[in-house]
C-alpha atoms as a PDB file:
ATOM      1  CA  MET A   1      21.094   4.825  21.350  1.00  0.00           C
ATOM      2  CA  VAL A   2      18.649   5.575  18.519  1.00  0.00           C
ATOM      3  CA  ALA A   3      16.145   6.702  20.381  1.00  0.00           C
ATOM      4  CA  ALA A   4      18.089   8.839  22.186  1.00  0.00           C
ATOM      5  CA  GLY A   5      19.479  10.977  18.696  1.00  0.00           C
ATOM      6  CA  LEU A   6      23.242   8.439  19.568  1.00  0.00           C
ATOM      7  CA  GLY A   7      23.282   6.475  16.776  1.00  0.00           C
ATOM      8  CA  VAL A   8      21.826   4.405  13.501  1.00  0.00           C
ATOM      9  CA  THR A   9      20.600   0.546  13.155  1.00  0.00           C
ATOM     10  CA  ILE A  10      18.772  -1.749  10.267  1.00  0.00           C
ATOM     11  CA  LEU A  11      16.540  -4.131  11.175  1.00  0.00           C
ATOM     12  CA  PRO A  12      13.840  -6.454   9.560  1.00  0.00           C
ATOM     13  CA  GLY A  13      10.938  -4.474   9.093  1.00  0.00           C
ATOM     14  CA  LEU A  14       8.779  -6.835  11.997  1.00  0.00           C
ATOM     15  CA  ALA A  15      11.280  -5.935  14.579  1.00  0.00           C
ATOM     16  CA  ILE A  16       9.862  -2.161  13.519  1.00  0.00           C
ATOM     17  CA  HIS A  17       6.863  -3.102  13.417  1.00  0.00           C
ATOM     18  CA  ALA A  18       7.234  -5.193  16.817  1.00  0.00           C
ATOM     19  CA  ALA A  19       9.510  -2.587  19.105  1.00  0.00           C
ATOM     20  CA  ARG A  20       8.210   0.536  17.950  1.00  0.00           C
ATOM     21  CA  HIS A  21       9.143   4.135  19.854  1.00  0.00           C
ATOM     22  CA  PRO A  22       7.693   7.422  18.955  1.00  0.00           C
ATOM     23  CA  GLY A  23      10.908   9.552  18.088  1.00  0.00           C
ATOM     24  CA  ILE A  24      12.218   6.990  15.942  1.00  0.00           C
ATOM     25  CA  GLN A  25      12.292   7.657  11.956  1.00  0.00           C
ATOM     26  CA  THR A  26      12.411   5.403   9.592  1.00  0.00           C
ATOM     27  CA  GLN A  27      13.510   4.436   6.226  1.00  0.00           C
ATOM     28  CA  PRO A  28      13.880   1.736   3.983  1.00  0.00           C
ATOM     29  CA  VAL A  29      17.618   0.271   2.757  1.00  0.00           C
ATOM     30  CA  PRO A  30      16.923   0.003  -1.361  1.00  0.00           C
ATOM     31  CA  GLY A  31      17.854  -3.419  -2.157  1.00  0.00           C
ATOM     32  CA  ALA A  32      17.937  -4.875   0.785  1.00  0.00           C
ATOM     33  CA  TRP A  33      16.190  -8.470   1.271  1.00  0.00           C
ATOM     34  CA  ARG A  34      16.321 -11.234   3.657  1.00  0.00           C
ATOM     35  CA  GLN A  35      15.932 -15.042   3.446  1.00  0.00           C
ATOM     36  CA  VAL A  36      13.331 -16.940   6.101  1.00  0.00           C
ATOM     37  CA  PHE A  37      14.980 -20.929   6.246  1.00  0.00           C
ATOM     38  CA  ALA A  38      11.897 -23.131   7.524  1.00  0.00           C
ATOM     39  CA  VAL A  39      13.119 -26.206   7.949  1.00  0.00           C
ATOM     40  CA  THR A  40      11.881 -29.312   9.165  1.00  0.00           C
ATOM     41  CA  TYR A  41      12.465 -32.825  11.103  1.00  0.00           C
ATOM     42  CA  GLY A  42      12.462 -36.116  10.195  1.00  0.00           C
ATOM     43  CA  GLN A  43      10.253 -38.059   7.146  1.00  0.00           C
ATOM     44  CA  PRO A  44       7.574 -37.207   5.516  1.00  0.00           C
ATOM     45  CA  PRO A  45       4.996 -36.780   5.551  1.00  0.00           C
ATOM     46  CA  ASP A  46       5.172 -33.775   8.039  1.00  0.00           C
ATOM     47  CA  PRO A  47       2.728 -33.399  10.760  1.00  0.00           C
ATOM     48  CA  ARG A  48      -0.816 -31.870   9.454  1.00  0.00           C
ATOM     49  CA  ALA A  49       1.036 -28.821  12.378  1.00  0.00           C
ATOM     50  CA  VAL A  50       3.699 -28.222  10.621  1.00  0.00           C
ATOM     51  CA  ASP A  51       2.272 -28.562   7.375  1.00  0.00           C
ATOM     52  CA  HIS A  52      -0.856 -26.036   8.265  1.00  0.00           C
ATOM     53  CA  LEU A  53       2.915 -23.247   9.603  1.00  0.00           C
ATOM     54  CA  LEU A  54       4.407 -24.279   6.198  1.00  0.00           C
ATOM     55  CA  ASP A  55       1.394 -22.700   4.024  1.00  0.00           C
ATOM     56  CA  ILE A  56       0.638 -19.683   6.184  1.00  0.00           C
ATOM     57  CA  LEU A  57       4.653 -18.702   6.634  1.00  0.00           C
ATOM     58  CA  THR A  58       4.377 -18.779   2.367  1.00  0.00           C
ATOM     59  CA  LEU A  59       1.021 -17.409   2.298  1.00  0.00           C
ATOM     60  CA  ALA A  60       3.352 -14.893   4.319  1.00  0.00           C
ATOM     61  CA  ALA A  61       6.697 -14.568   2.278  1.00  0.00           C
ATOM     62  CA  ALA A  62       4.234 -14.205  -0.326  1.00  0.00           C
ATOM     63  CA  ALA A  63       2.334 -11.038   0.764  1.00  0.00           C
ATOM     64  CA  THR A  64       5.058  -9.387   1.660  1.00  0.00           C
ATOM     65  CA  ALA A  65       6.729  -9.602  -1.641  1.00  0.00           C
ATOM     66  CA  THR A  66       3.446  -7.919  -3.520  1.00  0.00           C
ATOM     67  CA  GLY A  67       3.193  -5.313  -0.990  1.00  0.00           C
ATOM     68  CA  SER A  68       0.456  -6.479   0.132  1.00  0.00           C
ATOM     69  CA  GLY A  69       0.904  -8.339   4.100  1.00  0.00           C
ATOM     70  CA  PRO A  70       0.029  -6.317   6.950  1.00  0.00           C
ATOM     71  CA  ARG A  71       3.823  -5.706   8.203  1.00  0.00           C
ATOM     72  CA  SER A  72       4.803  -5.420   4.477  1.00  0.00           C
ATOM     73  CA  HIS A  73       6.997  -2.171   3.071  1.00  0.00           C
ATOM     74  CA  GLY A  74       6.529  -2.848  -0.148  1.00  0.00           C
ATOM     75  CA  GLY A  75       8.938  -0.662  -1.325  1.00  0.00           C
ATOM     76  CA  THR A  76       7.214   2.455  -0.475  1.00  0.00           C
ATOM     77  CA  PRO A  77       8.752   4.046   3.050  1.00  0.00           C
ATOM     78  CA  PRO A  78       6.814   4.367   5.897  1.00  0.00           C
ATOM     79  CA  ALA A  79       5.272   7.332   7.342  1.00  0.00           C
ATOM     80  CA  PRO A  80       8.046   9.139  10.428  1.00  0.00           C
ATOM     81  CA  ASP A  81       6.721   9.380  13.209  1.00  0.00           C
ATOM     82  CA  GLY A  82       7.324  12.933  14.970  1.00  0.00           C
END
């Protein structure tokens, strides 16, 4: 509906970058934020793969917060398409 000019939506930046349509323009929502939780099951120590994934998620979150991540808006609006 958005691409047809019949609606608007709010999406996280990751979704916008994953499914970009050429007729859609984006605008960040001032003051918007989200929380991402990672939950593990069982007693520590976690398997090495779990620790590695949590480290990567932490680095990605830090990069997004500072605006240095490749999918981060960093507080500036992305260039509109079309």
